């Protein structure tokens, strides 16, 4: 699982029937650099490319979420679905204490 911040939403005109009721979020994934400075929540966008994440948990812009990618993203569904990333957690707090 990776962490990222929701920076936007995607609106679709049509969607696969298996994915009805969910939303699509644009997520900027966190990197190690986000946690080197003590800000809550971590500041700034990632240098990594943003990605689109399927969400049926109610994440919104500004939320920190946990997401998985690849084959694991399709596991919650009964049949094959066109999903490459899915929201698995809405994160309340991140505590990071680097080794000194």
PDB file of N, CA and C in Angstrom:
ATOM      1  N   UNK A   1       0.846  -1.167   0.000  1.00  0.00           N
ATOM      2  CA  UNK A   1       0.000   0.000   0.000  1.00  0.00           C
ATOM      3  C   UNK A   1       0.896   1.235   0.000  1.00  0.00           C
ATOM      4  N   UNK A   2       0.475   2.218  -0.756  1.00  0.00           N
ATOM      5  CA  UNK A   2       1.165   3.503  -0.825  1.00  0.00           C
ATOM      6  C   UNK A   2       0.239   4.580  -0.296  1.00  0.00           C
ATOM      7  N   UNK A   3       0.815   5.713   0.096  1.00  0.00           N
ATOM      8  CA  UNK A   3       0.033   6.849   0.565  1.00  0.00           C
ATOM      9  C   UNK A   3       0.127   7.977  -0.437  1.00  0.00           C
ATOM     10  N   UNK A   4      -0.936   8.776  -0.501  1.00  0.00           N
ATOM     11  CA  UNK A   4      -0.944   9.933  -1.380  1.00  0.00           C
ATOM     12  C   UNK A   4      -2.027  10.894  -0.958  1.00  0.00           C
ATOM     13  N   UNK A   5      -2.010  12.059  -1.558  1.00  0.00           N
ATOM     14  CA  UNK A   5      -3.033  13.054  -1.272  1.00  0.00           C
ATOM     15  C   UNK A   5      -3.922  13.242  -2.498  1.00  0.00           C
ATOM     16  N   UNK A   6      -5.203  13.380  -2.262  1.00  0.00           N
ATOM     17  CA  UNK A   6      -6.168  13.564  -3.345  1.00  0.00           C
ATOM     18  C   UNK A   6      -6.094  15.011  -3.802  1.00  0.00           C
ATOM     19  N   UNK A   7      -5.819  15.209  -5.096  1.00  0.00           N
ATOM     20  CA  UNK A   7      -5.687  16.562  -5.633  1.00  0.00           C
ATOM     21  C   UNK A   7      -6.790  16.913  -6.624  1.00  0.00           C
ATOM     22  N   UNK A   8      -7.686  15.961  -6.916  1.00  0.00           N
ATOM     23  CA  UNK A   8      -8.772  16.244  -7.854  1.00  0.00           C
ATOM     24  C   UNK A   8      -9.652  15.037  -8.067  1.00  0.00           C
ATOM     25  N   UNK A   9     -10.684  15.223  -8.883  1.00  0.00           N
ATOM     26  CA  UNK A   9     -11.600  14.139  -9.224  1.00  0.00           C
ATOM     27  C   UNK A   9     -11.767  14.081 -10.734  1.00  0.00           C
ATOM     28  N   UNK A  10     -12.158  12.900 -11.201  1.00  0.00           N
ATOM     29  CA  UNK A  10     -12.413  12.684 -12.625  1.00  0.00           C
ATOM     30  C   UNK A  10     -13.900  12.389 -12.775  1.00  0.00           C
ATOM     31  N   UNK A  11     -14.538  12.999 -13.770  1.00  0.00           N
ATOM     32  CA  UNK A  11     -15.940  12.725 -14.059  1.00  0.00           C
ATOM     33  C   UNK A  11     -16.019  11.966 -15.371  1.00  0.00           C
ATOM     34  N   UNK A  12     -16.712  10.831 -15.351  1.00  0.00           N
ATOM     35  CA  UNK A  12     -16.849   9.997 -16.541  1.00  0.00           C
ATOM     36  C   UNK A  12     -18.268  10.093 -17.089  1.00  0.00           C
ATOM     37  N   UNK A  13     -18.402  10.020 -18.401  1.00  0.00           N
ATOM     38  CA  UNK A  13     -19.733  10.029 -18.997  1.00  0.00           C
ATOM     39  C   UNK A  13     -20.356   8.639 -18.960  1.00  0.00           C
ATOM     40  N   UNK A  14     -19.540   7.602 -19.077  1.00  0.00           N
ATOM     41  CA  UNK A  14     -20.021   6.229 -18.945  1.00  0.00           C
ATOM     42  C   UNK A  14     -19.002   5.446 -18.126  1.00  0.00           C
ATOM     43  N   UNK A  15     -19.481   4.391 -17.459  1.00  0.00           N
ATOM     44  CA  UNK A  15     -18.608   3.598 -16.607  1.00  0.00           C
ATOM     45  C   UNK A  15     -19.052   2.145 -16.675  1.00  0.00           C
ATOM     46  N   UNK A  16     -18.122   1.227 -16.481  1.00  0.00           N
ATOM     47  CA  UNK A  16     -18.464  -0.194 -16.464  1.00  0.00           C
ATOM     48  C   UNK A  16     -19.484  -0.459 -15.357  1.00  0.00           C
ATOM     49  N   UNK A  17     -20.455  -1.343 -15.605  1.00  0.00           N
ATOM     50  CA  UNK A  17     -21.482  -1.611 -14.592  1.00  0.00           C
ATOM     51  C   UNK A  17     -20.911  -2.068 -13.249  1.00  0.00           C
ATOM     52  N   UNK A  18     -19.784  -2.779 -13.247  1.00  0.00           N
ATOM     53  CA  UNK A  18     -19.187  -3.253 -11.994  1.00  0.00           C
ATOM     54  C   UNK A  18     -18.673  -2.103 -11.134  1.00  0.00           C
ATOM     55  N   UNK A  19     -18.434  -0.959 -11.744  1.00  0.00           N
ATOM     56  CA  UNK A  19     -17.844   0.169 -11.036  1.00  0.00           C
ATOM     57  C   UNK A  19     -18.850   1.261 -10.693  1.00  0.00           C
ATOM     58  N   UNK A  20     -20.130   1.007 -10.906  1.00  0.00           N
ATOM     59  CA  UNK A  20     -21.173   1.981 -10.581  1.00  0.00           C
ATOM     60  C   UNK A  20     -21.125   2.303  -9.094  1.00  0.00           C
ATOM     61  N   UNK A  21     -21.325   3.559  -8.749  1.00  0.00           N
ATOM     62  CA  UNK A  21     -21.382   3.977  -7.355  1.00  0.00           C
ATOM     63  C   UNK A  21     -20.059   4.457  -6.789  1.00  0.00           C
ATOM     64  N   UNK A  22     -18.966   4.248  -7.508  1.00  0.00           N
ATOM     65  CA  UNK A  22     -17.666   4.709  -7.041  1.00  0.00           C
ATOM     66  C   UNK A  22     -17.271   6.010  -7.717  1.00  0.00           C
ATOM     67  N   UNK A  23     -16.193   6.596  -7.233  1.00  0.00           N
ATOM     68  CA  UNK A  23     -15.655   7.819  -7.818  1.00  0.00           C
ATOM     69  C   UNK A  23     -14.239   7.547  -8.303  1.00  0.00           C
ATOM     70  N   UNK A  24     -13.712   8.459  -9.064  1.00  0.00           N
ATOM     71  CA  UNK A  24     -12.336   8.386  -9.550  1.00  0.00           C
ATOM     72  C   UNK A  24     -11.603   9.608  -9.035  1.00  0.00           C
ATOM     73  N   UNK A  25     -10.522   9.372  -8.305  1.00  0.00           N
ATOM     74  CA  UNK A  25      -9.756  10.447  -7.687  1.00  0.00           C
ATOM     75  C   UNK A  25      -8.390  10.584  -8.359  1.00  0.00           C
ATOM     76  N   UNK A  26      -7.922  11.819  -8.465  1.00  0.00           N
ATOM     77  CA  UNK A  26      -6.565  12.059  -8.934  1.00  0.00           C
ATOM     78  C   UNK A  26      -5.696  12.176  -7.687  1.00  0.00           C
ATOM     79  N   UNK A  27      -4.662  11.343  -7.620  1.00  0.00           N
ATOM     80  CA  UNK A  27      -3.846  11.241  -6.411  1.00  0.00           C
ATOM     81  C   UNK A  27      -2.388  11.555  -6.730  1.00  0.00           C
ATOM     82  N   UNK A  28      -1.786  12.379  -5.881  1.00  0.00           N
ATOM     83  CA  UNK A  28      -0.350  12.642  -5.942  1.00  0.00           C
ATOM     84  C   UNK A  28       0.304  11.764  -4.880  1.00  0.00           C
ATOM     85  N   UNK A  29       1.054  10.735  -5.291  1.00  0.00           N
ATOM     86  CA  UNK A  29       1.628   9.802  -4.316  1.00  0.00           C
ATOM     87  C   UNK A  29       2.731  10.455  -3.482  1.00  0.00           C
ATOM     88  N   UNK A  30       2.795  10.074  -2.202  1.00  0.00           N
ATOM     89  CA  UNK A  30       3.857  10.564  -1.329  1.00  0.00           C
ATOM     90  C   UNK A  30       5.156   9.836  -1.658  1.00  0.00           C
ATOM     91  N   UNK A  31       6.250  10.524  -1.454  1.00  0.00           N
ATOM     92  CA  UNK A  31       7.575   9.938  -1.573  1.00  0.00           C
ATOM     93  C   UNK A  31       8.288  10.123  -0.238  1.00  0.00           C
ATOM     94  N   UNK A  32       9.466   9.591  -0.146  1.00  0.00           N
ATOM     95  CA  UNK A  32      10.249   9.750   1.084  1.00  0.00           C
ATOM     96  C   UNK A  32      10.469  11.221   1.404  1.00  0.00           C
ATOM     97  N   UNK A  33      10.603  12.065   0.383  1.00  0.00           N
ATOM     98  CA  UNK A  33      10.831  13.494   0.597  1.00  0.00           C
ATOM     99  C   UNK A  33       9.696  14.157   1.371  1.00  0.00           C
ATOM    100  N   UNK A  34       8.471  13.672   1.199  1.00  0.00           N
ATOM    101  CA  UNK A  34       7.338  14.255   1.913  1.00  0.00           C
ATOM    102  C   UNK A  34       7.466  14.116   3.421  1.00  0.00           C
ATOM    103  N   UNK A  35       8.165  13.097   3.866  1.00  0.00           N
ATOM    104  CA  UNK A  35       8.243  12.818   5.292  1.00  0.00           C
ATOM    105  C   UNK A  35       9.533  13.318   5.926  1.00  0.00           C
ATOM    106  N   UNK A  36      10.423  13.904   5.155  1.00  0.00           N
ATOM    107  CA  UNK A  36      11.672  14.406   5.713  1.00  0.00           C
ATOM    108  C   UNK A  36      11.476  15.717   6.464  1.00  0.00           C
ATOM    109  N   UNK A  37      10.413  16.428   6.171  1.00  0.00           N
ATOM    110  CA  UNK A  37      10.099  17.688   6.841  1.00  0.00           C
ATOM    111  C   UNK A  37       8.832  17.469   7.646  1.00  0.00           C
ATOM    112  N   UNK A  38       8.787  17.999   8.837  1.00  0.00           N
ATOM    113  CA  UNK A  38       7.645  17.746   9.726  1.00  0.00           C
ATOM    114  C   UNK A  38       6.506  18.716   9.426  1.00  0.00           C
ATOM    115  N   UNK A  39       5.604  18.288   8.567  1.00  0.00           N
ATOM    116  CA  UNK A  39       4.380  19.019   8.256  1.00  0.00           C
ATOM    117  C   UNK A  39       3.242  18.037   8.357  1.00  0.00           C
ATOM    118  N   UNK A  40       2.118  18.467   8.866  1.00  0.00           N
ATOM    119  CA  UNK A  40       0.948  17.601   8.959  1.00  0.00           C
ATOM    120  C   UNK A  40      -0.222  18.328   8.338  1.00  0.00           C
ATOM    121  N   UNK A  41      -0.694  17.950   7.176  1.00  0.00           N
ATOM    122  CA  UNK A  41      -0.250  16.851   6.332  1.00  0.00           C
ATOM    123  C   UNK A  41       1.001  17.238   5.558  1.00  0.00           C
ATOM    124  N   UNK A  42       1.683  16.269   4.958  1.00  0.00           N
ATOM    125  CA  UNK A  42       2.863  16.586   4.148  1.00  0.00           C
ATOM    126  C   UNK A  42       2.516  17.596   3.056  1.00  0.00           C
ATOM    127  N   UNK A  43       3.445  18.496   2.805  1.00  0.00           N
ATOM    128  CA  UNK A  43       3.174  19.586   1.869  1.00  0.00           C
ATOM    129  C   UNK A  43       3.644  19.281   0.454  1.00  0.00           C
ATOM    130  N   UNK A  44       2.974  19.889  -0.512  1.00  0.00           N
ATOM    131  CA  UNK A  44       3.428  19.855  -1.893  1.00  0.00           C
ATOM    132  C   UNK A  44       3.032  18.624  -2.672  1.00  0.00           C
ATOM    133  N   UNK A  45       3.163  18.759  -3.981  1.00  0.00           N
ATOM    134  CA  UNK A  45       2.889  17.649  -4.875  1.00  0.00           C
ATOM    135  C   UNK A  45       4.147  16.814  -5.059  1.00  0.00           C
ATOM    136  N   UNK A  46       3.932  15.570  -5.376  1.00  0.00           N
ATOM    137  CA  UNK A  46       5.026  14.650  -5.606  1.00  0.00           C
ATOM    138  C   UNK A  46       5.662  14.917  -6.961  1.00  0.00           C
ATOM    139  N   UNK A  47       6.925  14.542  -7.079  1.00  0.00           N
ATOM    140  CA  UNK A  47       7.583  14.610  -8.389  1.00  0.00           C
ATOM    141  C   UNK A  47       7.192  13.411  -9.240  1.00  0.00           C
ATOM    142  N   UNK A  48       6.629  12.389  -8.598  1.00  0.00           N
ATOM    143  CA  UNK A  48       6.128  11.234  -9.342  1.00  0.00           C
ATOM    144  C   UNK A  48       4.849  11.637 -10.073  1.00  0.00           C
ATOM    145  N   UNK A  49       4.536  10.948 -11.165  1.00  0.00           N
ATOM    146  CA  UNK A  49       3.295  11.263 -11.877  1.00  0.00           C
ATOM    147  C   UNK A  49       2.075  10.978 -11.003  1.00  0.00           C
ATOM    148  N   UNK A  50       1.070  11.824 -11.141  1.00  0.00           N
ATOM    149  CA  UNK A  50      -0.206  11.590 -10.453  1.00  0.00           C
ATOM    150  C   UNK A  50      -0.896  10.410 -11.110  1.00  0.00           C
ATOM    151  N   UNK A  51      -1.818   9.778 -10.389  1.00  0.00           N
ATOM    152  CA  UNK A  51      -2.542   8.656 -10.955  1.00  0.00           C
ATOM    153  C   UNK A  51      -4.011   8.745 -10.595  1.00  0.00           C
ATOM    154  N   UNK A  52      -4.817   8.002 -11.324  1.00  0.00           N
ATOM    155  CA  UNK A  52      -6.261   7.961 -11.099  1.00  0.00           C
ATOM    156  C   UNK A  52      -6.566   6.712 -10.282  1.00  0.00           C
ATOM    157  N   UNK A  53      -7.304   6.896  -9.180  1.00  0.00           N
ATOM    158  CA  UNK A  53      -7.588   5.825  -8.233  1.00  0.00           C
ATOM    159  C   UNK A  53      -9.099   5.680  -8.097  1.00  0.00           C
ATOM    160  N   UNK A  54      -9.596   4.437  -8.191  1.00  0.00           N
ATOM    161  CA  UNK A  54     -11.018   4.165  -7.965  1.00  0.00           C
ATOM    162  C   UNK A  54     -11.291   4.261  -6.470  1.00  0.00           C
ATOM    163  N   UNK A  55     -12.403   4.896  -6.118  1.00  0.00           N
ATOM    164  CA  UNK A  55     -12.730   5.114  -4.707  1.00  0.00           C
ATOM    165  C   UNK A  55     -14.197   4.822  -4.452  1.00  0.00           C
ATOM    166  N   UNK A  56     -14.480   3.914  -3.533  1.00  0.00           N
ATOM    167  CA  UNK A  56     -15.851   3.697  -3.091  1.00  0.00           C
ATOM    168  C   UNK A  56     -15.958   3.894  -1.584  1.00  0.00           C
ATOM    169  N   UNK A  57     -14.971   4.599  -1.004  1.00  0.00           N
ATOM    170  CA  UNK A  57     -14.939   4.850   0.429  1.00  0.00           C
ATOM    171  C   UNK A  57     -15.312   6.284   0.793  1.00  0.00           C
ATOM    172  N   UNK A  58     -15.358   7.177  -0.177  1.00  0.00           N
ATOM    173  CA  UNK A  58     -15.748   8.556   0.092  1.00  0.00           C
ATOM    174  C   UNK A  58     -14.596   9.520   0.284  1.00  0.00           C
ATOM    175  N   UNK A  59     -13.440   9.225  -0.290  1.00  0.00           N
ATOM    176  CA  UNK A  59     -12.311  10.152  -0.208  1.00  0.00           C
ATOM    177  C   UNK A  59     -12.593  11.412  -1.006  1.00  0.00           C
ATOM    178  N   UNK A  60     -12.028  12.516  -0.562  1.00  0.00           N
ATOM    179  CA  UNK A  60     -12.243  13.784  -1.248  1.00  0.00           C
ATOM    180  C   UNK A  60     -10.958  14.568  -1.385  1.00  0.00           C
ATOM    181  N   UNK A  61     -11.034  15.670  -2.092  1.00  0.00           N
ATOM    182  CA  UNK A  61      -9.877  16.519  -2.342  1.00  0.00           C
ATOM    183  C   UNK A  61      -9.287  16.961  -1.002  1.00  0.00           C
ATOM    184  N   UNK A  62      -7.962  16.801  -0.878  1.00  0.00           N
ATOM    185  CA  UNK A  62      -7.264  17.174   0.340  1.00  0.00           C
ATOM    186  C   UNK A  62      -7.049  16.026   1.308  1.00  0.00           C
ATOM    187  N   UNK A  63      -7.761  14.909   1.118  1.00  0.00           N
ATOM    188  CA  UNK A  63      -7.603  13.752   2.005  1.00  0.00           C
ATOM    189  C   UNK A  63      -6.310  13.017   1.703  1.00  0.00           C
ATOM    190  N   UNK A  64      -5.747  12.408   2.741  1.00  0.00           N
ATOM    191  CA  UNK A  64      -4.644  11.477   2.575  1.00  0.00           C
ATOM    192  C   UNK A  64      -5.254  10.086   2.507  1.00  0.00           C
ATOM    193  N   UNK A  65      -4.899   9.331   1.474  1.00  0.00           N
ATOM    194  CA  UNK A  65      -5.460   7.995   1.319  1.00  0.00           C
ATOM    195  C   UNK A  65      -4.352   6.962   1.167  1.00  0.00           C
ATOM    196  N   UNK A  66      -4.704   5.720   1.445  1.00  0.00           N
ATOM    197  CA  UNK A  66      -3.843   4.592   1.143  1.00  0.00           C
ATOM    198  C   UNK A  66      -4.418   3.896  -0.078  1.00  0.00           C
ATOM    199  N   UNK A  67      -3.574   3.516  -1.003  1.00  0.00           N
ATOM    200  CA  UNK A  67      -4.068   2.872  -2.217  1.00  0.00           C
ATOM    201  C   UNK A  67      -3.136   1.756  -2.632  1.00  0.00           C
ATOM    202  N   UNK A  68      -3.682   0.801  -3.356  1.00  0.00           N
ATOM    203  CA  UNK A  68      -2.881  -0.275  -3.938  1.00  0.00           C
ATOM    204  C   UNK A  68      -3.038  -0.212  -5.446  1.00  0.00           C
ATOM    205  N   UNK A  69      -2.034  -0.735  -6.133  1.00  0.00           N
ATOM    206  CA  UNK A  69      -2.023  -0.708  -7.587  1.00  0.00           C
ATOM    207  C   UNK A  69      -1.877  -2.112  -8.148  1.00  0.00           C
ATOM    208  N   UNK A  70      -2.114  -2.228  -9.437  1.00  0.00           N
ATOM    209  CA  UNK A  70      -1.892  -3.482 -10.139  1.00  0.00           C
ATOM    210  C   UNK A  70      -2.988  -4.503  -9.885  1.00  0.00           C
ATOM    211  N   UNK A  71      -2.613  -5.755  -9.922  1.00  0.00           N
ATOM    212  CA  UNK A  71      -3.568  -6.852  -9.809  1.00  0.00           C
ATOM    213  C   UNK A  71      -4.370  -6.801  -8.502  1.00  0.00           C
ATOM    214  N   UNK A  72      -3.737  -6.379  -7.414  1.00  0.00           N
ATOM    215  CA  UNK A  72      -4.418  -6.300  -6.128  1.00  0.00           C
ATOM    216  C   UNK A  72      -5.592  -5.331  -6.153  1.00  0.00           C
ATOM    217  N   UNK A  73      -5.554  -4.340  -7.026  1.00  0.00           N
ATOM    218  CA  UNK A  73      -6.636  -3.355  -7.101  1.00  0.00           C
ATOM    219  C   UNK A  73      -7.941  -3.979  -7.567  1.00  0.00           C
ATOM    220  N   UNK A  74      -7.882  -5.051  -8.336  1.00  0.00           N
ATOM    221  CA  UNK A  74      -9.095  -5.701  -8.847  1.00  0.00           C
ATOM    222  C   UNK A  74      -9.613  -6.796  -7.919  1.00  0.00           C
ATOM    223  N   UNK A  75      -8.880  -7.143  -6.871  1.00  0.00           N
ATOM    224  CA  UNK A  75      -9.266  -8.239  -5.990  1.00  0.00           C
ATOM    225  C   UNK A  75     -10.630  -8.065  -5.301  1.00  0.00           C
ATOM    226  N   UNK A  76     -11.056  -6.851  -4.912  1.00  0.00           N
ATOM    227  CA  UNK A  76     -12.350  -6.723  -4.239  1.00  0.00           C
ATOM    228  C   UNK A  76     -13.560  -7.023  -5.122  1.00  0.00           C
ATOM    229  N   UNK A  77     -13.367  -7.144  -6.419  1.00  0.00           N
ATOM    230  CA  UNK A  77     -14.470  -7.334  -7.342  1.00  0.00           C
ATOM    231  C   UNK A  77     -14.628  -8.803  -7.700  1.00  0.00           C
ATOM    232  N   UNK A  78     -15.870  -9.209  -7.978  1.00  0.00           N
ATOM    233  CA  UNK A  78     -16.168 -10.612  -8.291  1.00  0.00           C
ATOM    234  C   UNK A  78     -15.562 -11.042  -9.628  1.00  0.00           C
ATOM    235  N   UNK A  79     -15.609 -10.186 -10.607  1.00  0.00           N
ATOM    236  CA  UNK A  79     -15.094 -10.534 -11.932  1.00  0.00           C
ATOM    237  C   UNK A  79     -14.016  -9.568 -12.356  1.00  0.00           C
ATOM    238  N   UNK A  80     -13.518  -9.738 -13.569  1.00  0.00           N
ATOM    239  CA  UNK A  80     -12.492  -8.818 -14.065  1.00  0.00           C
ATOM    240  C   UNK A  80     -13.058  -7.415 -14.287  1.00  0.00           C
ATOM    241  N   UNK A  81     -12.327  -6.423 -13.832  1.00  0.00           N
ATOM    242  CA  UNK A  81     -12.730  -5.019 -13.996  1.00  0.00           C
ATOM    243  C   UNK A  81     -11.526  -4.209 -14.482  1.00  0.00           C
ATOM    244  N   UNK A  82     -11.784  -3.116 -15.190  1.00  0.00           N
ATOM    245  CA  UNK A  82     -10.693  -2.283 -15.692  1.00  0.00           C
ATOM    246  C   UNK A  82     -10.195  -1.291 -14.640  1.00  0.00           C
ATOM    247  N   UNK A  83      -9.580  -1.795 -13.571  1.00  0.00           N
ATOM    248  CA  UNK A  83      -9.079  -0.957 -12.476  1.00  0.00           C
ATOM    249  C   UNK A  83      -7.594  -1.240 -12.280  1.00  0.00           C
ATOM    250  N   UNK A  84      -6.807  -0.181 -12.161  1.00  0.00           N
ATOM    251  CA  UNK A  84      -5.380  -0.358 -11.925  1.00  0.00           C
ATOM    252  C   UNK A  84      -4.954   0.158 -10.556  1.00  0.00           C
ATOM    253  N   UNK A  85      -5.793   0.957  -9.885  1.00  0.00           N
ATOM    254  CA  UNK A  85      -5.494   1.453  -8.542  1.00  0.00           C
ATOM    255  C   UNK A  85      -6.809   1.657  -7.801  1.00  0.00           C
ATOM    256  N   UNK A  86      -6.823   1.311  -6.497  1.00  0.00           N
ATOM    257  CA  UNK A  86      -8.040   1.429  -5.701  1.00  0.00           C
ATOM    258  C   UNK A  86      -7.699   1.979  -4.316  1.00  0.00           C
ATOM    259  N   UNK A  87      -8.583   2.821  -3.808  1.00  0.00           N
ATOM    260  CA  UNK A  87      -8.444   3.387  -2.470  1.00  0.00           C
ATOM    261  C   UNK A  87      -8.746   2.300  -1.442  1.00  0.00           C
ATOM    262  N   UNK A  88      -7.815   2.069  -0.508  1.00  0.00           N
ATOM    263  CA  UNK A  88      -8.020   1.054   0.514  1.00  0.00           C
ATOM    264  C   UNK A  88      -8.152   1.645   1.908  1.00  0.00           C
ATOM    265  N   UNK A  89      -7.840   2.931   2.092  1.00  0.00           N
ATOM    266  CA  UNK A  89      -7.918   3.539   3.414  1.00  0.00           C
ATOM    267  C   UNK A  89      -7.974   5.054   3.297  1.00  0.00           C
ATOM    268  N   UNK A  90      -8.730   5.674   4.194  1.00  0.00           N
ATOM    269  CA  UNK A  90      -8.680   7.120   4.361  1.00  0.00           C
ATOM    270  C   UNK A  90      -7.890   7.344   5.644  1.00  0.00           C
ATOM    271  N   UNK A  91      -6.761   8.019   5.530  1.00  0.00           N
ATOM    272  CA  UNK A  91      -5.795   8.139   6.622  1.00  0.00           C
ATOM    273  C   UNK A  91      -6.097   9.387   7.449  1.00  0.00           C
ATOM    274  N   UNK A  92      -6.207   9.198   8.772  1.00  0.00           N
ATOM    275  CA  UNK A  92      -6.424  10.331   9.672  1.00  0.00           C
ATOM    276  C   UNK A  92      -5.121  11.056   9.972  1.00  0.00           C
ATOM    277  N   UNK A  93      -4.105  10.319  10.393  1.00  0.00           N
ATOM    278  CA  UNK A  93      -2.827  10.908  10.766  1.00  0.00           C
ATOM    279  C   UNK A  93      -1.686  10.036  10.278  1.00  0.00           C
ATOM    280  N   UNK A  94      -0.562  10.679  10.019  1.00  0.00           N
ATOM    281  CA  UNK A  94       0.664   9.965   9.690  1.00  0.00           C
ATOM    282  C   UNK A  94       1.709  10.402  10.708  1.00  0.00           C
ATOM    283  N   UNK A  95       2.252   9.449  11.445  1.00  0.00           N
ATOM    284  CA  UNK A  95       3.319   9.723  12.395  1.00  0.00           C
ATOM    285  C   UNK A  95       4.609   9.149  11.839  1.00  0.00           C
ATOM    286  N   UNK A  96       5.604   9.979  11.687  1.00  0.00           N
ATOM    287  CA  UNK A  96       6.870   9.533  11.127  1.00  0.00           C
ATOM    288  C   UNK A  96       7.982  10.075  11.998  1.00  0.00           C
ATOM    289  N   UNK A  97       8.833   9.220  12.485  1.00  0.00           N
ATOM    290  CA  UNK A  97       9.961   9.617  13.301  1.00  0.00           C
ATOM    291  C   UNK A  97      11.221   8.980  12.717  1.00  0.00           C
ATOM    292  N   UNK A  98      11.972   9.752  11.925  1.00  0.00           N
ATOM    293  CA  UNK A  98      13.145   9.158  11.280  1.00  0.00           C
ATOM    294  C   UNK A  98      14.215   8.791  12.313  1.00  0.00           C
ATOM    295  N   UNK A  99      14.987   7.772  11.977  1.00  0.00           N
ATOM    296  CA  UNK A  99      16.078   7.356  12.853  1.00  0.00           C
ATOM    297  C   UNK A  99      17.141   8.448  12.847  1.00  0.00           C
ATOM    298  N   UNK A 100      17.659   8.766  13.979  1.00  0.00           N
ATOM    299  CA  UNK A 100      18.676   9.818  14.109  1.00  0.00           C
ATOM    300  C   UNK A 100      20.051   9.238  14.017  1.00  0.00           C
TER     301      UNK A 100
END
